[in-house]
Amino acid sequence: MGKRRKGREIVLQATYASLISGADLQVTLADQLSRRESADETSEFAEQLMKKIQLNRSDLQQKLNALLEGSNWSPERLGILEKVILTMGICELVYSKDVPVRVAINEALELTRRYCDEKAVGFVNGILDQAASRVYPDGIPDFKTPDTDGESS
């Protein structure tokens, strides 16, 4: 598993644990990172992603709600894991311009396949495709990024 993919998975697990237990998100993330003895690059990526999510929580929530309204899906019906994965994906699309759009979406789909019902994969894909078209209304840019650890991001 690539370092960034592992970082995304840790952010998902820490966020879920925090939401379920009520524990502080930063404490939960630190615990998740230490228990896995994560590489520095993985820890740094996870911490940066979490920081972006926290700093932009209100905006991300508004964007997600708007996308869900467009799909005739009530935010209340959305499972916790799907909501966290969609929030992470939207965050990367909007606030991580160094991550190619297709990588951000694919990574969210991989998390969905691993942690959610198979039916959720198509739903998450559709929502993130809509998000990408809103972020890049003139077309998704074609990124050329170096492959540093076996994956594009």
N, C-alpha and C. Protein backbone atom coordinates (compact mmCIF):
# COMPACT_ATOMS: atom_id res chain seq x y z
N MET A 1 0.85 -1.18 0.00
CA MET A 1 0.00 0.00 0.00
C MET A 1 0.89 1.23 0.00
N GLY A 2 0.59 2.19 -0.87
CA GLY A 2 1.35 3.42 -0.94
C GLY A 2 1.19 4.26 0.32
N LYS A 3 2.14 5.14 0.53
CA LYS A 3 2.15 5.96 1.75
C LYS A 3 0.95 6.90 1.82
N ARG A 4 0.58 7.50 0.70
CA ARG A 4 -0.57 8.41 0.73
C ARG A 4 -1.87 7.63 0.89
N ARG A 5 -1.97 6.48 0.24
CA ARG A 5 -3.19 5.67 0.39
C ARG A 5 -3.35 5.27 1.85
N LYS A 6 -2.25 4.86 2.47
CA LYS A 6 -2.30 4.50 3.89
C LYS A 6 -2.69 5.72 4.73
N GLY A 7 -2.19 6.90 4.37
CA GLY A 7 -2.55 8.12 5.08
C GLY A 7 -4.03 8.41 4.98
N ARG A 8 -4.60 8.23 3.80
CA ARG A 8 -6.04 8.44 3.62
C ARG A 8 -6.84 7.46 4.48
N GLU A 9 -6.40 6.23 4.50
CA GLU A 9 -7.09 5.22 5.29
C GLU A 9 -7.03 5.56 6.78
N ILE A 10 -5.90 6.04 7.24
CA ILE A 10 -5.76 6.43 8.64
C ILE A 10 -6.67 7.61 8.96
N VAL A 11 -6.76 8.59 8.06
CA VAL A 11 -7.66 9.73 8.27
C VAL A 11 -9.10 9.24 8.36
N LEU A 12 -9.49 8.34 7.48
CA LEU A 12 -10.84 7.78 7.51
C LEU A 12 -11.11 7.09 8.85
N GLN A 13 -10.20 6.25 9.27
CA GLN A 13 -10.40 5.51 10.51
C GLN A 13 -10.39 6.44 11.73
N ALA A 14 -9.51 7.42 11.74
CA ALA A 14 -9.45 8.35 12.87
C ALA A 14 -10.72 9.20 12.94
N THR A 15 -11.19 9.66 11.79
CA THR A 15 -12.40 10.47 11.76
C THR A 15 -13.60 9.65 12.22
N TYR A 16 -13.71 8.44 11.73
CA TYR A 16 -14.81 7.56 12.14
C TYR A 16 -14.75 7.31 13.65
N ALA A 17 -13.57 6.97 14.16
CA ALA A 17 -13.42 6.71 15.59
C ALA A 17 -13.79 7.93 16.42
N SER A 18 -13.39 9.10 15.96
CA SER A 18 -13.70 10.34 16.67
C SER A 18 -15.20 10.61 16.67
N LEU A 19 -15.85 10.40 15.54
CA LEU A 19 -17.30 10.64 15.46
C LEU A 19 -18.07 9.67 16.34
N ILE A 20 -17.66 8.43 16.38
CA ILE A 20 -18.35 7.41 17.16
C ILE A 20 -18.11 7.59 18.66
N SER A 21 -16.87 7.90 19.03
CA SER A 21 -16.52 7.96 20.45
C SER A 21 -16.68 9.35 21.07
N GLY A 22 -16.68 10.37 20.23
CA GLY A 22 -16.71 11.73 20.74
C GLY A 22 -15.34 12.24 21.15
N ALA A 23 -14.31 11.46 20.92
CA ALA A 23 -12.95 11.86 21.27
C ALA A 23 -12.46 12.97 20.33
N ASP A 24 -11.51 13.73 20.81
CA ASP A 24 -10.91 14.80 20.02
C ASP A 24 -10.28 14.22 18.75
N LEU A 25 -10.53 14.86 17.63
CA LEU A 25 -10.06 14.36 16.34
C LEU A 25 -8.54 14.32 16.25
N GLN A 26 -7.87 15.34 16.74
CA GLN A 26 -6.40 15.35 16.68
C GLN A 26 -5.80 14.25 17.56
N VAL A 27 -6.39 14.02 18.71
CA VAL A 27 -5.92 12.96 19.60
C VAL A 27 -6.13 11.60 18.93
N THR A 28 -7.29 11.44 18.30
CA THR A 28 -7.60 10.18 17.63
C THR A 28 -6.65 9.94 16.47
N LEU A 29 -6.37 10.98 15.69
CA LEU A 29 -5.43 10.84 14.58
C LEU A 29 -4.04 10.49 15.09
N ALA A 30 -3.58 11.18 16.12
CA ALA A 30 -2.25 10.89 16.68
C ALA A 30 -2.19 9.44 17.17
N ASP A 31 -3.25 8.98 17.79
CA ASP A 31 -3.30 7.60 18.26
C ASP A 31 -3.23 6.62 17.09
N GLN A 32 -4.01 6.88 16.06
CA GLN A 32 -4.01 6.00 14.89
C GLN A 32 -2.62 5.95 14.23
N LEU A 33 -1.98 7.11 14.13
CA LEU A 33 -0.65 7.16 13.51
C LEU A 33 0.39 6.43 14.35
N SER A 34 0.33 6.59 15.65
CA SER A 34 1.33 5.95 16.51
C SER A 34 1.13 4.44 16.57
N ARG A 35 -0.12 3.99 16.59
CA ARG A 35 -0.38 2.55 16.64
C ARG A 35 0.10 1.84 15.39
N ARG A 36 0.15 2.54 14.28
CA ARG A 36 0.58 1.93 13.03
C ARG A 36 2.07 2.16 12.75
N GLU A 37 2.70 2.93 13.62
CA GLU A 37 4.10 3.28 13.40
C GLU A 37 4.31 3.71 11.96
N SER A 38 3.53 4.69 11.55
CA SER A 38 3.52 5.15 10.17
C SER A 38 4.81 5.85 9.78
N ALA A 39 5.16 5.70 8.52
CA ALA A 39 6.32 6.41 7.97
C ALA A 39 6.07 7.91 8.07
N ASP A 40 7.14 8.67 8.15
CA ASP A 40 7.01 10.13 8.27
C ASP A 40 6.16 10.71 7.15
N GLU A 41 6.36 10.23 5.93
CA GLU A 41 5.60 10.75 4.79
C GLU A 41 4.11 10.45 4.93
N THR A 42 3.78 9.27 5.42
CA THR A 42 2.38 8.90 5.64
C THR A 42 1.77 9.78 6.71
N SER A 43 2.48 9.94 7.81
CA SER A 43 1.98 10.78 8.91
C SER A 43 1.79 12.22 8.46
N GLU A 44 2.76 12.74 7.74
CA GLU A 44 2.67 14.13 7.27
C GLU A 44 1.49 14.31 6.33
N PHE A 45 1.31 13.37 5.41
CA PHE A 45 0.19 13.46 4.48
C PHE A 45 -1.14 13.41 5.23
N ALA A 46 -1.26 12.46 6.17
CA ALA A 46 -2.51 12.32 6.93
C ALA A 46 -2.79 13.58 7.74
N GLU A 47 -1.79 14.12 8.39
CA GLU A 47 -1.97 15.33 9.19
C GLU A 47 -2.37 16.52 8.32
N GLN A 48 -1.75 16.65 7.14
CA GLN A 48 -2.10 17.74 6.23
C GLN A 48 -3.53 17.61 5.72
N LEU A 49 -3.92 16.39 5.34
CA LEU A 49 -5.29 16.17 4.87
C LEU A 49 -6.29 16.49 5.98
N MET A 50 -6.01 16.02 7.18
CA MET A 50 -6.91 16.29 8.30
C MET A 50 -7.01 17.79 8.56
N LYS A 51 -5.90 18.48 8.48
CA LYS A 51 -5.89 19.93 8.71
C LYS A 51 -6.75 20.64 7.66
N LYS A 52 -6.62 20.24 6.40
CA LYS A 52 -7.44 20.84 5.34
C LYS A 52 -8.92 20.61 5.60
N ILE A 53 -9.25 19.40 6.03
CA ILE A 53 -10.65 19.07 6.31
C ILE A 53 -11.18 19.92 7.46
N GLN A 54 -10.40 20.03 8.51
CA GLN A 54 -10.83 20.81 9.68
C GLN A 54 -10.95 22.29 9.36
N LEU A 55 -9.99 22.84 8.64
CA LEU A 55 -10.01 24.27 8.32
C LEU A 55 -11.16 24.64 7.39
N ASN A 56 -11.57 23.70 6.58
CA ASN A 56 -12.59 23.97 5.55
C ASN A 56 -13.88 23.19 5.79
N ARG A 57 -14.09 22.74 7.01
CA ARG A 57 -15.23 21.88 7.34
C ARG A 57 -16.57 22.46 6.87
N SER A 58 -16.81 23.73 7.15
CA SER A 58 -18.09 24.36 6.79
C SER A 58 -18.27 24.38 5.27
N ASP A 59 -17.24 24.79 4.55
CA ASP A 59 -17.31 24.83 3.09
C ASP A 59 -17.51 23.43 2.51
N LEU A 60 -16.79 22.46 3.04
CA LEU A 60 -16.92 21.08 2.56
C LEU A 60 -18.32 20.54 2.81
N GLN A 61 -18.88 20.87 3.97
CA GLN A 61 -20.24 20.43 4.29
C GLN A 61 -21.25 21.05 3.33
N GLN A 62 -21.08 22.33 3.03
CA GLN A 62 -21.99 23.00 2.09
C GLN A 62 -21.89 22.37 0.71
N LYS A 63 -20.66 22.11 0.27
CA LYS A 63 -20.47 21.50 -1.05
C LYS A 63 -21.09 20.11 -1.10
N LEU A 64 -20.87 19.31 -0.07
CA LEU A 64 -21.44 17.97 -0.03
C LEU A 64 -22.96 18.03 -0.03
N ASN A 65 -23.53 18.89 0.80
CA ASN A 65 -24.99 19.02 0.84
C ASN A 65 -25.56 19.43 -0.51
N ALA A 66 -24.91 20.36 -1.20
CA ALA A 66 -25.36 20.79 -2.52
C ALA A 66 -25.31 19.64 -3.52
N LEU A 67 -24.26 18.85 -3.46
CA LEU A 67 -24.14 17.70 -4.36
C LEU A 67 -25.20 16.65 -4.05
N LEU A 68 -25.46 16.43 -2.77
CA LEU A 68 -26.47 15.45 -2.39
C LEU A 68 -27.87 15.91 -2.79
N GLU A 69 -28.15 17.21 -2.63
CA GLU A 69 -29.45 17.74 -3.05
C GLU A 69 -29.66 17.51 -4.54
N GLY A 70 -28.59 17.70 -5.32
CA GLY A 70 -28.67 17.49 -6.76
C GLY A 70 -28.91 16.04 -7.13
N SER A 71 -28.59 15.14 -6.21
CA SER A 71 -28.79 13.70 -6.48
C SER A 71 -30.08 13.17 -5.87
N ASN A 72 -30.87 14.07 -5.27
CA ASN A 72 -32.10 13.68 -4.58
C ASN A 72 -31.82 12.72 -3.42
N TRP A 73 -30.68 12.87 -2.80
CA TRP A 73 -30.29 12.03 -1.67
C TRP A 73 -30.19 12.91 -0.44
N SER A 74 -30.88 12.58 0.59
CA SER A 74 -30.87 13.36 1.82
C SER A 74 -29.57 13.12 2.59
N PRO A 75 -28.92 14.18 3.05
CA PRO A 75 -27.69 14.00 3.84
C PRO A 75 -27.91 13.11 5.07
N GLU A 76 -29.11 13.10 5.62
CA GLU A 76 -29.40 12.28 6.79
C GLU A 76 -29.38 10.79 6.47
N ARG A 77 -29.61 10.44 5.22
CA ARG A 77 -29.61 9.03 4.81
C ARG A 77 -28.21 8.49 4.55
N LEU A 78 -27.26 9.37 4.45
CA LEU A 78 -25.89 8.98 4.12
C LEU A 78 -25.20 8.35 5.32
N GLY A 79 -24.56 7.20 5.12
CA GLY A 79 -23.83 6.53 6.19
C GLY A 79 -22.61 7.34 6.61
N ILE A 80 -22.16 7.11 7.83
CA ILE A 80 -21.02 7.86 8.36
C ILE A 80 -19.78 7.66 7.49
N LEU A 81 -19.46 6.43 7.14
CA LEU A 81 -18.26 6.18 6.35
C LEU A 81 -18.35 6.83 4.97
N GLU A 82 -19.50 6.73 4.33
CA GLU A 82 -19.66 7.35 3.02
C GLU A 82 -19.50 8.86 3.12
N LYS A 83 -20.06 9.44 4.18
CA LYS A 83 -19.96 10.89 4.37
C LYS A 83 -18.50 11.31 4.58
N VAL A 84 -17.77 10.55 5.38
CA VAL A 84 -16.36 10.88 5.62
C VAL A 84 -15.56 10.73 4.33
N ILE A 85 -15.79 9.65 3.59
CA ILE A 85 -15.06 9.43 2.33
C ILE A 85 -15.38 10.54 1.33
N LEU A 86 -16.64 10.91 1.20
CA LEU A 86 -17.01 11.99 0.28
C LEU A 86 -16.38 13.31 0.70
N THR A 87 -16.37 13.59 1.99
CA THR A 87 -15.76 14.82 2.49
C THR A 87 -14.27 14.84 2.18
N MET A 88 -13.61 13.71 2.40
CA MET A 88 -12.18 13.63 2.08
C MET A 88 -11.94 13.82 0.58
N GLY A 89 -12.76 13.18 -0.23
CA GLY A 89 -12.60 13.29 -1.68
C GLY A 89 -12.82 14.71 -2.17
N ILE A 90 -13.87 15.35 -1.68
CA ILE A 90 -14.14 16.74 -2.07
C ILE A 90 -13.01 17.64 -1.60
N CYS A 91 -12.52 17.39 -0.40
CA CYS A 91 -11.41 18.18 0.12
C CYS A 91 -10.19 18.08 -0.80
N GLU A 92 -9.87 16.88 -1.23
CA GLU A 92 -8.71 16.73 -2.12
C GLU A 92 -8.97 17.39 -3.47
N LEU A 93 -10.19 17.28 -3.98
CA LEU A 93 -10.50 17.92 -5.27
C LEU A 93 -10.36 19.44 -5.19
N VAL A 94 -10.81 20.02 -4.09
CA VAL A 94 -10.85 21.47 -3.96
C VAL A 94 -9.56 22.06 -3.40
N TYR A 95 -9.00 21.42 -2.40
CA TYR A 95 -7.89 22.02 -1.65
C TYR A 95 -6.53 21.35 -1.82
N SER A 96 -6.46 20.31 -2.62
CA SER A 96 -5.18 19.64 -2.86
C SER A 96 -4.93 19.61 -4.37
N LYS A 97 -4.61 20.74 -4.90
CA LYS A 97 -4.43 20.87 -6.35
C LYS A 97 -3.26 20.04 -6.87
N ASP A 98 -2.37 19.58 -5.98
CA ASP A 98 -1.25 18.75 -6.40
C ASP A 98 -1.67 17.29 -6.61
N VAL A 99 -2.88 16.93 -6.17
CA VAL A 99 -3.39 15.58 -6.36
C VAL A 99 -4.26 15.57 -7.61
N PRO A 100 -3.89 14.77 -8.61
CA PRO A 100 -4.71 14.70 -9.82
C PRO A 100 -6.15 14.29 -9.49
N VAL A 101 -7.08 14.87 -10.22
CA VAL A 101 -8.51 14.63 -10.00
C VAL A 101 -8.83 13.14 -10.02
N ARG A 102 -8.34 12.45 -11.03
CA ARG A 102 -8.65 11.03 -11.16
C ARG A 102 -8.07 10.21 -10.00
N VAL A 103 -6.94 10.65 -9.48
CA VAL A 103 -6.35 9.96 -8.32
C VAL A 103 -7.21 10.19 -7.09
N ALA A 104 -7.65 11.44 -6.87
CA ALA A 104 -8.49 11.75 -5.71
C ALA A 104 -9.77 10.91 -5.74
N ILE A 105 -10.39 10.82 -6.90
CA ILE A 105 -11.62 10.04 -7.02
C ILE A 105 -11.34 8.55 -6.85
N ASN A 106 -10.30 8.04 -7.51
CA ASN A 106 -9.97 6.62 -7.40
C ASN A 106 -9.65 6.22 -5.96
N GLU A 107 -8.91 7.05 -5.26
CA GLU A 107 -8.57 6.74 -3.88
C GLU A 107 -9.83 6.69 -3.00
N ALA A 108 -10.76 7.60 -3.24
CA ALA A 108 -12.02 7.57 -2.50
C ALA A 108 -12.80 6.30 -2.82
N LEU A 109 -12.77 5.89 -4.08
CA LEU A 109 -13.47 4.66 -4.47
C LEU A 109 -12.83 3.43 -3.84
N GLU A 110 -11.52 3.42 -3.74
CA GLU A 110 -10.84 2.29 -3.10
C GLU A 110 -11.23 2.19 -1.62
N LEU A 111 -11.29 3.34 -0.94
CA LEU A 111 -11.74 3.33 0.45
C LEU A 111 -13.18 2.84 0.56
N THR A 112 -14.01 3.27 -0.38
CA THR A 112 -15.42 2.85 -0.38
C THR A 112 -15.52 1.35 -0.58
N ARG A 113 -14.75 0.81 -1.53
CA ARG A 113 -14.77 -0.64 -1.76
C ARG A 113 -14.35 -1.41 -0.51
N ARG A 114 -13.38 -0.87 0.18
CA ARG A 114 -12.82 -1.58 1.34
C ARG A 114 -13.72 -1.50 2.58
N TYR A 115 -14.39 -0.36 2.77
CA TYR A 115 -15.10 -0.13 4.04
C TYR A 115 -16.62 -0.04 3.93
N CYS A 116 -17.15 0.01 2.73
CA CYS A 116 -18.60 0.22 2.59
C CYS A 116 -19.21 -0.89 1.74
N ASP A 117 -20.50 -0.84 1.64
CA ASP A 117 -21.26 -1.75 0.79
C ASP A 117 -20.89 -1.49 -0.67
N GLU A 118 -20.87 -2.52 -1.47
CA GLU A 118 -20.50 -2.38 -2.88
C GLU A 118 -21.40 -1.40 -3.62
N LYS A 119 -22.66 -1.29 -3.20
CA LYS A 119 -23.58 -0.36 -3.83
C LYS A 119 -23.14 1.10 -3.64
N ALA A 120 -22.38 1.35 -2.60
CA ALA A 120 -21.93 2.71 -2.31
C ALA A 120 -20.89 3.20 -3.31
N VAL A 121 -20.18 2.29 -3.96
CA VAL A 121 -19.10 2.68 -4.87
C VAL A 121 -19.63 3.55 -6.01
N GLY A 122 -20.69 3.12 -6.65
CA GLY A 122 -21.28 3.90 -7.76
C GLY A 122 -21.78 5.25 -7.29
N PHE A 123 -22.39 5.27 -6.12
CA PHE A 123 -22.90 6.52 -5.57
C PHE A 123 -21.76 7.50 -5.30
N VAL A 124 -20.71 7.04 -4.62
CA VAL A 124 -19.56 7.89 -4.31
C VAL A 124 -18.91 8.37 -5.61
N ASN A 125 -18.79 7.49 -6.58
CA ASN A 125 -18.21 7.87 -7.86
C ASN A 125 -19.03 8.97 -8.52
N GLY A 126 -20.33 8.82 -8.53
CA GLY A 126 -21.20 9.82 -9.15
C GLY A 126 -21.10 11.18 -8.47
N ILE A 127 -21.11 11.18 -7.15
CA ILE A 127 -21.02 12.44 -6.40
C ILE A 127 -19.67 13.12 -6.65
N LEU A 128 -18.59 12.35 -6.60
CA LEU A 128 -17.27 12.95 -6.80
C LEU A 128 -17.05 13.38 -8.25
N ASP A 129 -17.63 12.68 -9.21
CA ASP A 129 -17.58 13.14 -10.60
C ASP A 129 -18.27 14.50 -10.74
N GLN A 130 -19.43 14.65 -10.09
CA GLN A 130 -20.13 15.94 -10.10
C GLN A 130 -19.28 17.02 -9.43
N ALA A 131 -18.67 16.67 -8.31
CA ALA A 131 -17.82 17.64 -7.60
C ALA A 131 -16.67 18.08 -8.50
N ALA A 132 -16.04 17.14 -9.19
CA ALA A 132 -14.92 17.47 -10.07
C ALA A 132 -15.36 18.39 -11.20
N SER A 133 -16.55 18.14 -11.75
CA SER A 133 -17.02 18.99 -12.84
C SER A 133 -17.36 20.40 -12.34
N ARG A 134 -17.71 20.53 -11.07
CA ARG A 134 -17.96 21.86 -10.51
C ARG A 134 -16.65 22.58 -10.19
N VAL A 135 -15.65 21.83 -9.72
CA VAL A 135 -14.35 22.43 -9.41
C VAL A 135 -13.63 22.83 -10.70
N TYR A 136 -13.78 22.03 -11.74
CA TYR A 136 -13.13 22.27 -13.03
C TYR A 136 -14.18 22.35 -14.14
N PRO A 137 -14.95 23.44 -14.19
CA PRO A 137 -16.04 23.53 -15.17
C PRO A 137 -15.55 23.55 -16.62
N ASP A 138 -14.29 23.90 -16.85
CA ASP A 138 -13.75 23.93 -18.21
C ASP A 138 -13.06 22.62 -18.59
N GLY A 139 -13.20 21.62 -17.76
CA GLY A 139 -12.59 20.32 -18.04
C GLY A 139 -11.53 19.98 -17.01
N ILE A 140 -11.41 18.71 -16.75
CA ILE A 140 -10.45 18.23 -15.76
C ILE A 140 -9.05 18.31 -16.36
N PRO A 141 -8.13 18.97 -15.63
CA PRO A 141 -6.76 19.08 -16.15
C PRO A 141 -6.07 17.72 -16.17
N ASP A 142 -5.14 17.57 -17.12
CA ASP A 142 -4.37 16.35 -17.25
C ASP A 142 -3.05 16.54 -16.51
N PHE A 143 -2.96 15.96 -15.32
CA PHE A 143 -1.78 16.11 -14.48
C PHE A 143 -0.70 15.13 -14.91
N LYS A 144 0.53 15.57 -14.84
CA LYS A 144 1.69 14.69 -15.02
C LYS A 144 2.51 14.83 -13.75
N THR A 145 2.39 13.86 -12.86
CA THR A 145 3.11 13.92 -11.60
C THR A 145 4.05 12.74 -11.50
N PRO A 146 5.19 12.94 -10.84
CA PRO A 146 6.11 11.81 -10.68
C PRO A 146 5.54 10.77 -9.74
N ASP A 147 5.84 9.53 -10.03
CA ASP A 147 5.40 8.42 -9.20
C ASP A 147 6.48 8.17 -8.17
N THR A 148 6.16 8.47 -6.89
CA THR A 148 7.19 8.38 -5.86
C THR A 148 7.10 7.13 -4.99
N ASP A 149 5.94 6.51 -4.91
CA ASP A 149 5.85 5.33 -4.04
C ASP A 149 4.89 4.28 -4.58
N GLY A 150 4.86 4.15 -5.89
CA GLY A 150 4.02 3.12 -6.47
C GLY A 150 2.61 3.56 -6.77
N GLU A 151 2.30 4.82 -6.54
CA GLU A 151 0.99 5.36 -6.89
C GLU A 151 1.16 6.81 -7.27
N SER A 152 0.20 7.35 -7.96
CA SER A 152 0.30 8.73 -8.43
C SER A 152 0.18 9.74 -7.34
N SER A 153 -0.40 9.35 -6.22
CA SER A 153 -0.52 10.33 -5.12
C SER A 153 -0.33 9.68 -3.81
